[in-house]
């Protein structure tokens, strides 16, 4: 199983939502999604894990690497709705990652206005976003 993702830009903020399982077979796709977010947004990136079924140790490492990559570009990674089956334990080289209990709380912390633009992978679950056009 792999992940599907949706990236939504808001004013000075991006939200990268994941669905599926972030395991070793999904880390390349996740890294690509982070690259997409870097190229198309500004400000912090909230990693919305609401639709994530779980993650492996390799998936957690990929998240920590994403935080470092974003920090190199002057952006911060924030987490929303960490899966209950594990917690992220970054090493000392990882920049701080604020953690929010859910996406609504993360957006409220930023006072983020509505969606500006949105992209998804082809198989993004429609139950999460029926209005989102598929990424082509």
Protein backbone atom coordinates (compact mmCIF):
# COMPACT_ATOMS: atom_id res chain seq x y z
CA UNK A 1 0.00 0.00 0.00
CA UNK A 2 1.20 3.51 -0.74
CA UNK A 3 0.00 7.02 -0.07
CA UNK A 4 -2.12 9.50 -1.95
CA UNK A 5 -1.67 13.19 -1.33
CA UNK A 6 -3.40 16.53 -1.76
CA UNK A 7 -1.61 19.87 -1.58
CA UNK A 8 -3.63 23.00 -0.90
CA UNK A 9 -2.23 26.50 -0.82
CA UNK A 10 -3.66 29.17 1.40
CA UNK A 11 -2.39 32.66 2.04
CA UNK A 12 1.20 32.21 3.29
CA UNK A 13 0.54 28.56 4.21
CA UNK A 14 0.39 25.15 2.56
CA UNK A 15 -1.46 22.00 3.65
CA UNK A 16 -0.15 18.64 2.49
CA UNK A 17 -2.74 15.96 3.31
CA UNK A 18 -1.84 12.27 3.17
CA UNK A 19 -4.08 9.20 2.84
CA UNK A 20 -2.95 5.58 3.04
CA UNK A 21 0.12 4.13 4.73
CA UNK A 22 3.48 5.94 4.83
CA UNK A 23 5.86 3.00 4.68
CA UNK A 24 9.12 2.32 2.89
CA UNK A 25 7.36 1.90 -0.46
CA UNK A 26 5.74 5.35 -0.14
CA UNK A 27 8.69 7.50 0.93
CA UNK A 28 9.68 8.43 -2.64
CA UNK A 29 6.13 9.58 -3.36
CA UNK A 30 6.08 11.54 -0.10
CA UNK A 31 9.43 13.16 -0.94
CA UNK A 32 7.97 14.15 -4.32
CA UNK A 33 4.95 15.69 -2.61
CA UNK A 34 7.25 17.75 -0.39
CA UNK A 35 9.05 18.94 -3.54
CA UNK A 36 5.68 19.90 -5.01
CA UNK A 37 4.88 21.89 -1.87
CA UNK A 38 8.25 23.65 -1.97
CA UNK A 39 7.75 24.66 -5.60
CA UNK A 40 4.18 25.87 -5.28
CA UNK A 41 3.72 27.49 -1.90
CA UNK A 42 5.08 29.82 0.73
CA UNK A 43 5.20 29.79 4.50
CA UNK A 44 4.85 26.77 6.74
CA UNK A 45 3.57 23.43 5.47
CA UNK A 46 1.02 21.67 7.65
CA UNK A 47 1.30 17.92 7.15
CA UNK A 48 -2.29 16.74 7.63
CA UNK A 49 -2.18 13.09 8.71
CA UNK A 50 -5.94 12.74 9.26
CA UNK A 51 -6.28 10.21 6.40
CA UNK A 52 -3.09 8.33 7.22
CA UNK A 53 -3.70 4.73 8.28
CA UNK A 54 -0.26 4.50 9.87
CA UNK A 55 3.43 4.92 9.25
CA UNK A 56 6.56 2.84 9.59
CA UNK A 57 9.85 3.90 11.14
CA UNK A 58 11.00 4.68 7.58
CA UNK A 59 7.95 6.87 7.07
CA UNK A 60 8.70 8.75 10.25
CA UNK A 61 12.29 9.27 9.10
CA UNK A 62 10.95 10.63 5.80
CA UNK A 63 8.85 13.16 7.74
CA UNK A 64 11.91 14.28 9.73
CA UNK A 65 13.90 14.60 6.48
CA UNK A 66 11.07 16.69 5.01
CA UNK A 67 11.25 19.01 8.02
CA UNK A 68 14.98 19.50 7.39
CA UNK A 69 14.43 20.06 3.66
CA UNK A 70 11.75 22.67 4.30
CA UNK A 71 13.93 24.39 6.92
CA UNK A 72 16.73 24.69 4.36
CA UNK A 73 14.28 26.74 2.27
CA UNK A 74 13.25 28.89 5.23
CA UNK A 75 9.94 27.06 5.74
CA UNK A 76 8.63 25.04 8.69
CA UNK A 77 6.84 21.68 8.79
CA UNK A 78 3.95 21.36 11.23
CA UNK A 79 2.06 18.14 11.97
CA UNK A 80 -1.69 17.69 12.39
CA UNK A 81 -3.40 14.48 13.58
CA UNK A 82 -0.43 12.17 14.21
CA UNK A 83 -1.50 8.50 13.88
CA UNK A 84 -2.29 6.84 17.18
CA UNK A 85 -0.08 3.84 16.39
CA UNK A 86 3.18 5.72 16.75
CA UNK A 87 4.76 9.02 17.55
CA UNK A 88 7.43 10.84 15.68
CA UNK A 89 10.73 10.96 17.51
CA UNK A 90 13.06 13.22 15.50
CA UNK A 91 16.78 13.28 16.15
CA UNK A 92 18.72 16.32 17.31
CA UNK A 93 19.33 17.50 13.73
CA UNK A 94 15.61 17.91 13.06
CA UNK A 95 14.15 21.40 13.32
CA UNK A 96 11.25 21.87 15.73
CA UNK A 97 7.90 20.66 14.35
CA UNK A 98 4.80 22.08 16.01
CA UNK A 99 2.16 19.37 16.53
CA UNK A 100 -1.57 20.09 16.36
CA UNK A 101 -4.28 17.65 17.46
CA UNK A 102 -6.13 18.06 14.14
CA UNK A 103 -6.17 20.09 10.94
CA UNK A 104 -8.83 22.49 12.20
CA UNK A 105 -6.61 23.37 15.17
CA UNK A 106 -3.59 23.87 12.93
CA UNK A 107 -5.50 26.19 10.61
CA UNK A 108 -6.97 28.09 13.55
CA UNK A 109 -3.47 28.61 14.95
CA UNK A 110 -2.60 30.41 11.73
CA UNK A 111 -5.93 32.12 11.14
CA UNK A 112 -5.61 30.65 7.63
CA UNK A 113 -8.17 31.93 5.11
CA UNK A 114 -9.80 29.70 2.49
CA UNK A 115 -8.24 27.59 -0.23
CA UNK A 116 -6.32 29.35 -2.96
CA UNK A 117 -5.32 26.41 -5.17
CA UNK A 118 -5.31 22.64 -4.83
CA UNK A 119 -3.60 19.63 -6.44
CA UNK A 120 -4.07 15.90 -5.79
CA UNK A 121 -2.70 12.58 -6.93
CA UNK A 122 -5.01 10.68 -9.29
CA UNK A 123 -6.33 8.29 -6.64
CA UNK A 124 -6.92 10.82 -3.84
CA UNK A 125 -10.00 9.50 -1.95
CA UNK A 126 -13.04 11.45 -3.08
CA UNK A 127 -14.50 11.16 0.40
CA UNK A 128 -11.73 13.55 1.50
CA UNK A 129 -12.11 16.06 -1.32
CA UNK A 130 -14.80 15.65 -3.97
CA UNK A 131 -14.14 19.09 -5.43
CA UNK A 132 -10.40 18.65 -5.94
CA UNK A 133 -9.20 18.19 -9.53
CA UNK A 134 -6.75 15.35 -10.09
CA UNK A 135 -3.10 16.20 -10.59
CA UNK A 136 -2.12 15.74 -14.23
